[in-house]
Amino acid sequence: MNTTGSAGKGLRLIPFRGLRYVPERVGSLAAVTSPPYDVVVRPDGLHHLESADPHNIVRLILPQAATAADRHRQAAETLQRWLAEGVLAPDAEPALYVYEQRNGDVLQRGIIGALALTTPAEGVVLPHEDVMPDIVEDRAALMRETATNLEPLLLSYRGDGSATGTTAVIERTVRRKPLLSTTTEDGFSHRLWSVTEPADLADIELDLADRQALIADGHHRWATYLRLREEHPPSEAGPWDYGLVLLVDTARYPLQVRAIHRLLHRLPVADALTALRDMPGSFRVRTLDGTLPEALEALSGAGAGDNAFLLAGDGRFHLIDRPDPALLARTVPADRPEEWRALDATVLHLTLLDHIWKIPDAPDHISYIHDTEAVVEQAERHGSTAVLLRPVREEVVRDLARHAVTMPRKSTSFGPKPATGLVLRSLAED
């Protein structure tokens, strides 16, 4: 059974002329791709991608210059140069794109297209996390300069699990020869096909017409789309009224949900532990012996219904759990749903960061890092504190989103995430 938006309308995905790398003009397709901009670990990952190929997409999504204005202008100039040189070229006709990712037992397939933008109040595309205004402004400035959607958001919807509608189109399409096929260094293979047949496009349109989607990854880019739409005069089919997305039916291809960890730049582990011990009974604190996988197992095994976090950065691991109920009552607002109040991310930000450690949620104080080993390594290298979190169950995320309750920013990491650089959307071409 389809899930409808509250306004009685659903998802509208339209074809576009995809901008894609010309294989003969680059070293390899794998060498020019990148993870999404917010997953790239800086500076190490950034430098690695820049050196992989002079045309790596990271030079557009994370340009490097002295000022923000210079970065955005540089990205636009680089994009125009690559287009003039034939490094990137638009496809001959508008299309939707079937996209497949595979790594061992993990298989994900979905449809990439230009999605009609809707506000949260319309109940069609549901956000589940708050956003940081400075990041939205930076992404908006970059998109203004380049007039291009550089990477797709990941949206999930729940089909009925049958091989009909969009799923049928996908499964017919993947029997054909793909437009491109490559394997990135993380072991994932990527394949892309175009869908241009009117009958296929009509099947997808009809199937999605009463669907509701959850933003799995890309809240800041969605907020950017909405901001830029407001800046342009309303029109019936203007390019700024749409944004580049990957839609995945999670009834057919379930997403994986992982945590996003915190790196507290100016807080050494010793100071974090001292602050906890100076407030007796606030949390139970235990130092663990063993490896990172063993510490993560201990974190995962912390009591159900109990908040727990793993601190790292001093060469050891410290499990903090069993928060004082009275402390939570003082620091977590009582006027929000119980599921939201019980989230680890809620307690981390309101109780630990705000109340105990007094750390502002600003980029020079906190970085958000997806990779567990990377956040621990950076904390140890710089004498800071890594806070490792547990993943949130997808049904909790979806239930809160349906009730218009947003989680703390960077609470979840859904995946596999689409590789950036396989297909771009030029607003000038639309």
Protein backbone atom coordinates (compact mmCIF):
# COMPACT_ATOMS: atom_id res chain seq x y z
CA MET A 1 0.00 0.00 0.00
CA ASN A 2 1.37 3.42 -0.94
CA THR A 3 1.97 6.11 1.68
CA THR A 4 0.54 9.47 0.66
CA GLY A 5 1.63 12.92 1.66
CA SER A 6 -0.74 14.90 3.83
CA ALA A 7 -1.44 17.34 1.00
CA GLY A 8 -2.69 14.49 -1.23
CA LYS A 9 0.22 14.62 -3.64
CA GLY A 10 3.31 12.54 -3.96
CA LEU A 11 6.72 12.40 -5.58
CA ARG A 12 7.22 13.90 -9.04
CA LEU A 13 10.49 12.82 -10.63
CA ILE A 14 11.32 14.21 -14.06
CA PRO A 15 14.05 13.38 -16.60
CA PHE A 16 17.04 15.66 -17.11
CA ARG A 17 20.09 15.78 -19.38
CA GLY A 18 22.74 14.33 -17.12
CA LEU A 19 26.23 15.79 -17.12
CA ARG A 20 28.70 12.92 -17.12
CA TYR A 21 32.43 12.42 -17.41
CA VAL A 22 33.69 11.48 -20.88
CA PRO A 23 35.67 8.28 -20.15
CA GLU A 24 38.31 9.01 -22.80
CA ARG A 25 39.17 12.33 -21.13
CA VAL A 26 39.90 11.00 -17.61
CA GLY A 27 42.19 8.36 -16.14
CA SER A 28 39.28 6.23 -14.94
CA LEU A 29 35.75 6.80 -13.74
CA ALA A 30 36.68 5.44 -10.32
CA ALA A 31 39.48 8.01 -10.02
CA VAL A 32 37.17 10.98 -10.60
CA THR A 33 34.44 9.97 -8.15
CA SER A 34 34.19 10.92 -4.49
CA PRO A 35 32.03 10.19 -1.46
CA PRO A 36 29.47 12.94 -0.69
CA TYR A 37 31.07 16.21 0.38
CA ASP A 38 30.26 15.73 4.07
CA VAL A 39 31.75 12.22 4.18
CA VAL A 40 35.18 13.22 2.87
CA VAL A 41 37.58 13.17 5.81
CA ARG A 42 39.64 16.36 5.68
CA PRO A 43 42.45 16.98 5.08
CA ASP A 44 43.69 13.44 4.42
CA GLY A 45 40.78 12.22 2.33
CA LEU A 46 40.59 15.50 0.43
CA HIS A 47 44.25 15.36 -0.55
CA HIS A 48 43.94 11.71 -1.53
CA LEU A 49 41.04 12.45 -3.88
CA GLU A 50 42.70 15.53 -5.38
CA SER A 51 45.78 13.47 -6.22
CA ALA A 52 43.77 10.55 -7.65
CA ASP A 53 43.00 12.46 -10.86
CA PRO A 54 43.24 16.16 -11.81
CA HIS A 55 39.55 16.02 -12.73
CA ASN A 56 38.28 14.43 -9.52
CA ILE A 57 34.82 15.74 -8.63
CA VAL A 58 36.09 16.83 -5.21
CA ARG A 59 37.50 19.93 -6.96
CA LEU A 60 33.89 20.97 -7.54
CA ILE A 61 32.20 19.85 -4.32
CA LEU A 62 35.06 20.90 -1.98
CA PRO A 63 37.11 23.52 -3.84
CA GLN A 64 40.13 24.88 -1.99
CA ALA A 65 40.85 28.63 -1.83
CA ALA A 66 41.49 31.36 0.73
CA THR A 67 37.90 32.58 1.08
CA ALA A 68 34.45 31.11 0.61
CA ALA A 69 33.75 33.42 -2.33
CA ASP A 70 37.00 32.37 -3.99
CA ARG A 71 36.19 28.68 -3.44
CA HIS A 72 32.79 28.94 -5.05
CA ARG A 73 34.08 31.03 -7.97
CA GLN A 74 36.91 28.54 -8.48
CA ALA A 75 34.45 25.64 -8.62
CA ALA A 76 32.35 27.44 -11.25
CA GLU A 77 35.43 28.25 -13.33
CA THR A 78 36.68 24.66 -13.06
CA LEU A 79 33.29 23.30 -14.14
CA GLN A 80 33.14 25.62 -17.15
CA ARG A 81 36.69 24.68 -18.16
CA TRP A 82 35.92 20.96 -17.96
CA LEU A 83 32.82 21.47 -20.09
CA ALA A 84 34.78 23.48 -22.66
CA GLU A 85 37.52 20.84 -22.75
CA GLY A 86 35.04 17.98 -23.13
CA VAL A 87 35.90 16.39 -19.78
CA LEU A 88 32.22 16.61 -18.86
CA ALA A 89 29.42 16.53 -21.42
CA PRO A 90 25.60 16.49 -21.29
CA ASP A 91 23.70 13.43 -22.46
CA ALA A 92 21.89 13.78 -25.76
CA GLU A 93 18.38 13.59 -24.34
CA PRO A 94 16.65 13.93 -20.95
CA ALA A 95 16.52 10.71 -18.95
CA LEU A 96 15.97 9.19 -15.57
CA TYR A 97 18.87 6.99 -14.48
CA VAL A 98 18.85 3.57 -12.89
CA TYR A 99 21.77 3.37 -10.45
CA GLU A 100 23.14 0.19 -8.92
CA GLN A 101 25.69 -0.26 -6.12
CA ARG A 102 26.98 -3.69 -5.17
CA ASN A 103 29.56 -4.97 -2.70
CA GLY A 104 29.37 -8.64 -1.72
CA ASP A 105 25.92 -9.27 -0.27
CA VAL A 106 25.02 -5.56 -0.35
CA LEU A 107 22.92 -4.60 -3.38
CA GLN A 108 21.17 -1.27 -3.80
CA ARG A 109 19.25 -0.05 -6.83
CA GLY A 110 17.30 3.13 -7.30
CA ILE A 111 16.27 5.90 -9.69
CA ILE A 112 18.12 9.20 -10.13
CA GLY A 113 16.11 12.15 -11.39
CA ALA A 114 15.09 15.75 -10.81
CA LEU A 115 12.52 15.79 -8.01
CA ALA A 116 9.89 18.50 -7.65
CA LEU A 117 10.65 20.35 -4.42
CA THR A 118 8.15 20.39 -1.56
CA THR A 119 8.22 21.85 1.93
CA PRO A 120 8.02 19.66 5.06
CA ALA A 121 4.50 21.00 5.65
CA GLU A 122 3.35 19.34 2.42
CA GLY A 123 4.25 15.95 3.86
CA VAL A 124 5.81 14.54 0.68
CA VAL A 125 9.53 14.65 1.47
CA LEU A 126 10.19 14.20 5.18
CA PRO A 127 13.34 15.50 6.86
CA HIS A 128 14.40 13.85 10.11
CA GLU A 129 17.39 15.98 11.18
CA ASP A 130 18.06 19.62 11.92
CA VAL A 131 20.53 21.49 9.71
CA MET A 132 23.34 23.93 10.36
CA PRO A 133 22.65 27.34 8.74
CA ASP A 134 26.30 28.01 7.88
CA ILE A 135 26.55 24.78 5.88
CA VAL A 136 23.30 25.53 4.04
CA GLU A 137 24.60 28.98 3.15
CA ASP A 138 27.90 27.55 1.90
CA ARG A 139 26.15 24.89 -0.24
CA ALA A 140 23.72 27.51 -1.57
CA ALA A 141 26.55 29.85 -2.58
CA LEU A 142 28.34 27.00 -4.33
CA MET A 143 25.17 26.00 -6.20
CA ARG A 144 24.45 29.61 -7.21
CA GLU A 145 27.93 29.98 -8.72
CA THR A 146 27.96 26.64 -10.52
CA ALA A 147 24.22 26.54 -11.41
CA THR A 148 24.56 22.78 -11.00
CA ASN A 149 23.33 20.05 -8.69
CA LEU A 150 26.72 18.42 -8.13
CA GLU A 151 25.59 15.34 -6.20
CA PRO A 152 22.28 13.59 -5.54
CA LEU A 153 20.53 13.33 -2.21
CA LEU A 154 19.58 9.85 -1.01
CA LEU A 155 15.83 9.51 -0.42
CA SER A 156 14.03 6.34 0.67
CA TYR A 157 10.42 5.33 0.20
CA ARG A 158 8.46 2.20 1.07
CA GLY A 159 7.02 0.31 -1.87
CA ASP A 160 4.95 -2.82 -1.52
CA GLY A 161 7.91 -5.12 -2.25
CA SER A 162 6.50 -6.37 -5.55
CA ALA A 163 8.21 -6.22 -8.94
CA THR A 164 5.80 -3.64 -10.35
CA GLY A 165 5.96 0.05 -11.19
CA THR A 166 9.36 1.60 -10.61
CA THR A 167 10.84 -1.71 -9.45
CA ALA A 168 9.75 -3.40 -12.67
CA VAL A 169 11.38 -0.65 -14.73
CA ILE A 170 14.59 -0.99 -12.74
CA GLU A 171 14.73 -4.76 -13.11
CA ARG A 172 14.06 -4.59 -16.85
CA THR A 173 16.67 -1.89 -17.29
CA VAL A 174 19.53 -3.66 -15.49
CA ARG A 175 19.40 -6.46 -18.06
CA ARG A 176 20.73 -4.01 -20.65
CA LYS A 177 24.29 -2.84 -21.14
CA PRO A 178 24.98 0.07 -18.73
CA LEU A 179 26.09 3.55 -19.68
CA LEU A 180 28.99 3.15 -17.28
CA SER A 181 30.46 0.61 -14.92
CA THR A 182 33.26 1.13 -12.41
CA THR A 183 34.52 -0.13 -9.07
CA THR A 184 35.68 2.35 -6.45
CA GLU A 185 38.45 1.72 -3.93
CA ASP A 186 35.94 0.93 -1.18
CA GLY A 187 35.05 -2.24 -3.10
CA PHE A 188 31.66 -1.06 -4.38
CA SER A 189 30.82 -1.56 -8.03
CA HIS A 190 28.69 1.13 -9.63
CA ARG A 191 26.55 0.86 -12.77
CA LEU A 192 24.33 3.45 -14.41
CA TRP A 193 21.64 3.13 -17.12
CA SER A 194 19.43 5.76 -18.76
CA VAL A 195 15.65 5.41 -18.92
CA THR A 196 14.10 7.30 -21.84
CA GLU A 197 11.25 5.10 -23.12
CA PRO A 198 7.92 6.93 -22.66
CA ALA A 199 6.22 3.80 -21.32
CA ASP A 200 8.92 3.30 -18.66
CA LEU A 201 8.79 6.96 -17.66
CA ALA A 202 4.99 6.77 -17.39
CA ASP A 203 5.21 3.66 -15.17
CA ILE A 204 7.59 5.45 -12.82
CA GLU A 205 5.47 8.60 -12.75
CA LEU A 206 2.32 6.66 -11.90
CA ASP A 207 4.06 4.54 -9.24
CA LEU A 208 5.58 7.54 -7.43
CA ALA A 209 2.52 9.78 -7.68
CA ASP A 210 1.29 8.95 -4.17
CA ARG A 211 4.58 8.04 -2.51
CA GLN A 212 6.13 9.77 0.49
CA ALA A 213 9.92 9.83 0.90
CA LEU A 214 12.30 10.15 3.83
CA ILE A 215 15.52 12.11 3.44
CA ALA A 216 18.04 9.40 4.22
CA ASP A 217 21.12 11.49 3.42
CA GLY A 218 21.40 15.10 2.31
CA HIS A 219 19.39 17.32 4.66
CA HIS A 220 21.66 20.31 4.04
CA ARG A 221 21.43 19.90 0.27
CA TRP A 222 17.62 19.63 0.47
CA ALA A 223 17.49 22.80 2.59
CA THR A 224 19.77 24.39 -0.02
CA TYR A 225 17.38 23.43 -2.84
CA LEU A 226 14.48 25.01 -0.96
CA ARG A 227 16.41 28.20 -0.24
CA LEU A 228 17.45 28.64 -3.86
CA ARG A 229 13.92 27.97 -5.08
CA GLU A 230 12.75 30.87 -2.91
CA GLU A 231 15.32 33.13 -4.58
CA HIS A 232 13.98 32.49 -8.08
CA PRO A 233 10.63 33.64 -9.46
CA PRO A 234 7.97 30.94 -9.26
CA SER A 235 7.37 29.08 -12.49
CA GLU A 236 5.61 25.95 -13.61
CA ALA A 237 8.75 24.16 -14.75
CA GLY A 238 11.72 26.27 -13.72
CA PRO A 239 14.98 24.37 -13.09
CA TRP A 240 15.25 25.73 -9.53
CA ASP A 241 11.93 24.07 -8.69
CA TYR A 242 13.64 20.65 -8.85
CA GLY A 243 16.62 19.01 -7.19
CA LEU A 244 18.82 16.01 -7.99
CA VAL A 245 17.96 12.90 -5.94
CA LEU A 246 18.41 9.15 -5.80
CA LEU A 247 15.17 7.38 -4.80
CA VAL A 248 15.48 3.90 -3.26
CA ASP A 249 12.58 1.59 -2.39
CA THR A 250 13.68 0.22 0.98
CA ALA A 251 11.03 -2.50 0.89
CA ARG A 252 13.02 -3.92 -2.02
CA TYR A 253 16.53 -2.70 -1.15
CA PRO A 254 16.86 -2.01 2.60
CA LEU A 255 19.29 0.72 3.56
CA GLN A 256 21.97 0.31 6.20
CA VAL A 257 21.86 2.77 9.10
CA ARG A 258 25.07 3.77 10.84
CA ALA A 259 25.98 6.40 13.40
CA ILE A 260 27.84 9.65 12.73
CA HIS A 261 30.53 10.29 15.32
CA ARG A 262 31.76 13.57 16.86
CA LEU A 263 35.29 14.92 17.06
CA LEU A 264 35.60 17.53 19.83
CA HIS A 265 38.60 19.57 18.73
CA ARG A 266 39.31 21.55 21.89
CA LEU A 267 38.49 18.95 24.52
CA PRO A 268 41.21 16.45 25.54
CA VAL A 269 39.89 13.13 26.83
CA ALA A 270 41.34 13.79 30.29
CA ASP A 271 39.32 17.01 30.56
CA ALA A 272 36.16 15.28 29.33
CA LEU A 273 36.52 12.59 32.00
CA THR A 274 37.33 15.12 34.71
CA ALA A 275 34.17 17.08 33.95
CA LEU A 276 32.12 13.90 34.27
CA ARG A 277 33.75 12.92 37.54
CA ASP A 278 33.30 16.43 38.93
CA MET A 279 29.57 15.83 38.61
CA PRO A 280 29.18 12.63 40.67
CA GLY A 281 26.50 10.26 39.49
CA SER A 282 25.96 12.04 36.17
CA PHE A 283 27.09 9.02 34.14
CA ARG A 284 28.82 5.75 34.87
CA VAL A 285 32.38 5.89 33.48
CA ARG A 286 34.42 2.77 32.73
CA THR A 287 37.81 2.52 31.02
CA LEU A 288 37.99 -0.47 28.69
CA ASP A 289 40.96 -2.61 27.80
CA GLY A 290 41.23 -4.02 24.31
CA THR A 291 40.88 -3.08 20.67
CA LEU A 292 38.50 -0.71 18.90
CA PRO A 293 36.25 -3.58 17.70
CA GLU A 294 36.04 -4.88 21.29
CA ALA A 295 35.19 -1.40 22.58
CA LEU A 296 32.51 -0.99 19.91
CA GLU A 297 31.04 -4.34 20.94
CA ALA A 298 30.85 -3.10 24.53
CA LEU A 299 29.12 0.08 23.32
CA SER A 300 26.66 -1.94 21.26
CA GLY A 301 25.94 -4.17 24.24
CA ALA A 302 25.07 -1.34 26.61
CA GLY A 303 21.62 -1.78 28.13
CA ALA A 304 18.56 -1.29 25.95
CA GLY A 305 16.81 1.96 26.74
CA ASP A 306 19.99 3.34 28.29
CA ASN A 307 22.11 6.05 26.69
CA ALA A 308 25.74 5.10 26.06
CA PHE A 309 28.78 6.66 24.38
CA LEU A 310 32.38 5.67 23.76
CA LEU A 311 35.15 8.24 24.27
CA ALA A 312 38.52 7.84 22.56
CA GLY A 313 41.62 9.89 21.84
CA ASP A 314 44.08 9.07 24.62
CA GLY A 315 45.02 5.59 23.39
CA ARG A 316 42.24 3.93 25.40
CA PHE A 317 38.48 3.68 25.30
CA HIS A 318 36.04 4.94 27.92
CA LEU A 319 32.43 3.78 28.03
CA ILE A 320 30.01 6.23 29.59
CA ASP A 321 26.45 5.11 30.22
CA ARG A 322 23.61 5.00 32.78
CA PRO A 323 22.88 8.75 32.89
CA ASP A 324 21.27 10.09 36.05
CA PRO A 325 17.49 10.38 35.40
CA ALA A 326 17.35 13.61 37.39
CA LEU A 327 20.12 15.07 35.22
CA LEU A 328 18.22 14.13 32.07
CA ALA A 329 15.05 15.65 33.47
CA ARG A 330 16.90 18.96 33.98
CA THR A 331 18.63 19.06 30.60
CA VAL A 332 16.27 17.41 28.09
CA PRO A 333 12.97 19.22 27.36
CA ALA A 334 9.91 17.33 28.54
CA ASP A 335 7.65 18.69 25.79
CA ARG A 336 9.08 16.45 23.07
CA PRO A 337 8.14 12.84 22.26
CA GLU A 338 9.72 10.16 24.43
CA GLU A 339 11.47 8.56 21.44
CA TRP A 340 13.22 11.87 20.74
CA ARG A 341 14.13 12.43 24.39
CA ALA A 342 15.69 8.97 24.59
CA LEU A 343 17.94 9.36 21.54
CA ASP A 344 21.66 9.12 22.22
CA ALA A 345 22.22 12.17 20.01
CA THR A 346 19.69 14.18 22.03
CA VAL A 347 21.41 13.34 25.32
CA LEU A 348 24.85 13.90 23.82
CA HIS A 349 24.04 17.42 22.63
CA LEU A 350 21.78 18.66 25.41
CA THR A 351 23.29 16.93 28.44
CA LEU A 352 26.95 16.29 27.63
CA LEU A 353 27.92 18.99 25.15
CA ASP A 354 25.71 21.82 26.40
CA HIS A 355 25.51 21.13 30.13
CA ILE A 356 28.60 19.20 31.21
CA TRP A 357 31.31 20.00 28.66
CA LYS A 358 29.85 23.39 27.58
CA ILE A 359 30.92 22.99 23.95
CA PRO A 360 29.15 25.07 21.27
CA ASP A 361 27.93 23.23 18.19
CA ALA A 362 30.17 25.14 15.79
CA PRO A 363 32.63 23.87 13.15
CA ASP A 364 35.73 25.04 15.02
CA HIS A 365 34.62 23.01 18.06
CA ILE A 366 32.96 19.90 16.54
CA SER A 367 33.47 17.86 13.39
CA TYR A 368 31.07 15.15 12.28
CA ILE A 369 32.87 12.07 10.97
CA HIS A 370 31.25 8.91 9.59
CA ASP A 371 34.23 6.55 9.71
CA THR A 372 34.94 5.05 13.14
CA GLU A 373 38.65 4.41 12.66
CA ALA A 374 39.15 7.86 11.14
CA VAL A 375 37.55 9.73 14.05
CA VAL A 376 39.61 7.78 16.61
CA GLU A 377 42.83 8.33 14.64
CA GLN A 378 42.21 12.07 14.33
CA ALA A 379 41.41 12.39 18.04
CA GLU A 380 44.62 10.62 18.98
CA ARG A 381 46.68 12.64 16.52
CA HIS A 382 45.40 16.02 17.74
CA GLY A 383 44.85 15.33 21.45
CA SER A 384 41.10 15.79 21.18
CA THR A 385 38.10 13.64 22.05
CA ALA A 386 36.19 11.31 19.75
CA VAL A 387 32.64 10.52 20.82
CA LEU A 388 31.39 7.31 19.19
CA LEU A 389 27.65 6.72 18.95
CA ARG A 390 25.39 3.79 18.21
CA PRO A 391 23.11 3.72 15.13
CA VAL A 392 19.42 4.56 15.39
CA ARG A 393 16.90 2.05 14.08
CA GLU A 394 15.31 3.11 10.78
CA GLU A 395 11.77 2.66 12.08
CA VAL A 396 12.47 5.18 14.87
CA VAL A 397 13.77 7.69 12.31
CA ARG A 398 10.77 7.22 10.03
CA ASP A 399 8.23 7.42 12.88
CA LEU A 400 9.67 10.69 14.19
CA ALA A 401 9.78 12.15 10.67
CA ARG A 402 6.13 11.28 10.05
CA HIS A 403 5.25 13.21 13.20
CA ALA A 404 7.34 16.19 12.02
CA VAL A 405 9.87 15.72 14.84
CA THR A 406 13.44 16.36 13.72
CA MET A 407 16.39 14.64 15.34
CA PRO A 408 19.59 16.44 16.33
CA ARG A 409 21.75 17.18 13.31
CA LYS A 410 23.95 14.38 11.99
CA SER A 411 22.13 11.70 13.99
CA THR A 412 22.17 9.03 11.31
CA SER A 413 24.16 7.85 8.32
CA PHE A 414 22.10 5.89 5.80
CA GLY A 415 23.86 3.97 3.08
CA PRO A 416 25.25 2.90 0.80
CA LYS A 417 25.54 6.52 -0.27
CA PRO A 418 25.62 7.31 -3.99
CA ALA A 419 29.05 8.04 -5.39
CA THR A 420 29.49 11.68 -6.36
CA GLY A 421 30.59 12.33 -9.93
CA LEU A 422 28.69 9.68 -11.86
CA VAL A 423 25.94 12.07 -13.00
CA LEU A 424 25.43 15.80 -12.38
CA ARG A 425 22.47 18.04 -13.20
CA SER A 426 23.10 21.39 -14.87
CA LEU A 427 20.35 23.91 -14.23
CA ALA A 428 21.42 25.67 -17.41
CA GLU A 429 20.68 22.51 -19.42
CA ASP A 430 17.18 22.27 -17.91
